Amino acid sequence: MARNGPPAQPEGPGAPRRSERDTPVHGVGERSRGWTFLTHHARVLAQIARNPQARMRDIAAAVGITERAIQTIVTDLQEAGYLTRERVGRRNHYRVDLDRPLRYPTEAGLPIRALIRFLTDTGDP
């Protein structure tokens, strides 16, 4: 009987554990279980803070997700008040409201300015 979808992972004694089947973390030499410390929303916001005139395709390439996903995230960020968009000719220019608080309740007292500063710091004095 033919099965649809990806081949099943081996199960039972001697089969690799889930963490052994996962992909390596780039540059770390350890295995990942598919999570990261930063969401795509944070990464997109940082890219826009670096270049407020960036095109969706440039942001998508930098973050590593589709342009459609970028559009959805930008809409989320605009609706939540973290971004405003201004149309200039055929391009969009964005402004990040650095005084908006982080969204997680335990960090809600901190402005996103701290996160953006951390993510966009080039190490220059």
Protein backbone atom coordinates (compact mmCIF):
# COMPACT_ATOMS: atom_id res chain seq x y z
CA MET A 1 0.00 0.00 0.00
CA ALA A 2 1.48 3.37 -1.04
CA ARG A 3 1.67 6.15 1.53
CA ASN A 4 1.47 9.85 0.84
CA GLY A 5 3.74 12.36 2.52
CA PRO A 6 7.33 12.22 3.72
CA PRO A 7 8.84 8.88 4.63
CA ALA A 8 8.30 7.87 8.22
CA GLN A 9 11.20 8.20 10.64
CA PRO A 10 12.40 4.88 12.04
CA GLU A 11 10.94 4.02 15.42
CA GLY A 12 11.76 1.52 18.13
CA PRO A 13 14.99 0.34 19.78
CA GLY A 14 18.13 1.42 17.95
CA ALA A 15 16.32 4.16 16.01
CA PRO A 16 17.78 7.63 16.39
CA ARG A 17 16.12 9.75 19.01
CA ARG A 18 14.25 12.82 17.83
CA SER A 19 17.07 15.19 18.80
CA GLU A 20 19.54 13.07 16.80
CA ARG A 21 17.39 13.40 13.66
CA ASP A 22 17.18 17.18 13.81
CA THR A 23 19.36 19.45 11.74
CA PRO A 24 22.57 20.98 13.08
CA VAL A 25 22.57 24.57 14.24
CA HIS A 26 24.69 26.64 11.88
CA GLY A 27 27.99 27.60 13.44
CA VAL A 28 27.23 26.04 16.81
CA GLY A 29 28.01 22.37 16.24
CA GLU A 30 25.02 21.20 18.27
CA ARG A 31 21.67 19.83 17.22
CA SER A 32 18.51 21.94 17.22
CA ARG A 33 14.94 20.94 17.92
CA GLY A 34 13.58 23.57 15.54
CA TRP A 35 13.41 26.56 17.86
CA THR A 36 15.29 29.83 18.01
CA PHE A 37 15.56 32.63 20.53
CA LEU A 38 14.04 35.21 18.19
CA THR A 39 10.77 35.11 16.30
CA HIS A 40 10.43 36.04 12.65
CA HIS A 41 8.57 39.15 13.84
CA ALA A 42 11.66 40.30 15.78
CA ARG A 43 13.95 39.55 12.85
CA VAL A 44 11.72 41.45 10.40
CA LEU A 45 11.49 44.41 12.76
CA ALA A 46 15.29 44.47 13.08
CA GLN A 47 15.73 44.36 9.29
CA ILE A 48 13.33 47.27 8.86
CA ALA A 49 15.10 49.22 11.62
CA ARG A 50 18.40 48.66 9.76
CA ASN A 51 16.92 49.78 6.44
CA PRO A 52 13.52 51.50 6.60
CA GLN A 53 13.37 51.58 2.79
CA ALA A 54 14.04 47.85 2.31
CA ARG A 55 11.93 45.93 -0.18
CA MET A 56 9.92 42.92 0.96
CA ARG A 57 12.11 40.61 -1.14
CA ASP A 58 15.26 41.98 0.50
CA ILE A 59 13.81 41.45 3.97
CA ALA A 60 12.66 37.94 2.98
CA ALA A 61 16.15 37.07 1.75
CA ALA A 62 17.77 38.39 4.94
CA VAL A 63 15.33 36.62 7.29
CA GLY A 64 15.06 33.43 5.25
CA ILE A 65 11.29 33.27 4.80
CA THR A 66 8.90 33.98 1.92
CA GLU A 67 7.81 37.42 0.77
CA ARG A 68 4.24 36.46 1.62
CA ALA A 69 5.27 35.67 5.19
CA ILE A 70 7.04 39.05 5.36
CA GLN A 71 3.87 40.79 4.17
CA THR A 72 1.85 39.08 6.90
CA ILE A 73 4.38 39.99 9.58
CA VAL A 74 4.60 43.62 8.42
CA THR A 75 0.81 43.81 8.57
CA ASP A 76 0.88 42.36 12.11
CA LEU A 77 3.52 44.90 13.17
CA GLN A 78 1.59 47.80 11.60
CA GLU A 79 -1.70 46.77 13.22
CA ALA A 80 0.02 46.51 16.62
CA GLY A 81 1.52 50.00 16.21
CA TYR A 82 5.17 48.96 15.95
CA LEU A 83 5.50 50.16 12.33
CA THR A 84 4.06 52.92 10.24
CA ARG A 85 4.31 52.91 6.47
CA GLU A 86 4.62 55.84 4.11
CA ARG A 87 4.36 55.43 0.37
CA VAL A 88 7.13 57.37 -1.44
CA GLY A 89 6.80 56.97 -5.18
CA ARG A 90 6.72 53.27 -5.87
CA ARG A 91 8.42 52.30 -2.61
CA ASN A 92 7.36 51.98 1.01
CA HIS A 93 9.31 53.70 3.76
CA TYR A 94 8.79 52.39 7.26
CA ARG A 95 9.21 53.96 10.66
CA VAL A 96 9.64 51.82 13.76
CA ASP A 97 8.08 53.12 16.98
CA LEU A 98 10.98 52.34 19.29
CA ASP A 99 9.01 53.34 22.38
CA ARG A 100 6.39 50.58 22.02
CA PRO A 101 6.75 47.93 24.75
CA LEU A 102 7.78 44.34 24.17
CA ARG A 103 4.71 42.13 23.99
CA TYR A 104 5.48 39.36 26.44
CA PRO A 105 3.99 40.19 29.87
CA THR A 106 7.24 39.81 31.83
CA GLU A 107 9.05 42.21 29.47
CA ALA A 108 6.12 44.56 28.82
CA GLY A 109 7.86 47.39 30.69
CA LEU A 110 10.79 47.41 28.26
CA PRO A 111 10.63 49.35 25.00
CA ILE A 112 11.53 47.54 21.78
CA ARG A 113 14.35 50.09 21.47
CA ALA A 114 16.52 47.81 23.63
CA LEU A 115 15.85 44.78 21.44
CA ILE A 116 16.42 46.71 18.22
CA ARG A 117 19.62 48.23 19.57
CA PHE A 118 20.86 44.75 20.50
CA LEU A 119 19.91 43.22 17.12
CA THR A 120 21.26 46.04 14.97
CA ASP A 121 24.46 46.84 16.88
CA THR A 122 27.43 46.60 14.54
CA GLY A 123 29.95 46.74 17.36
CA ASP A 124 31.22 50.13 16.25
CA PRO A 125 31.90 52.60 19.07
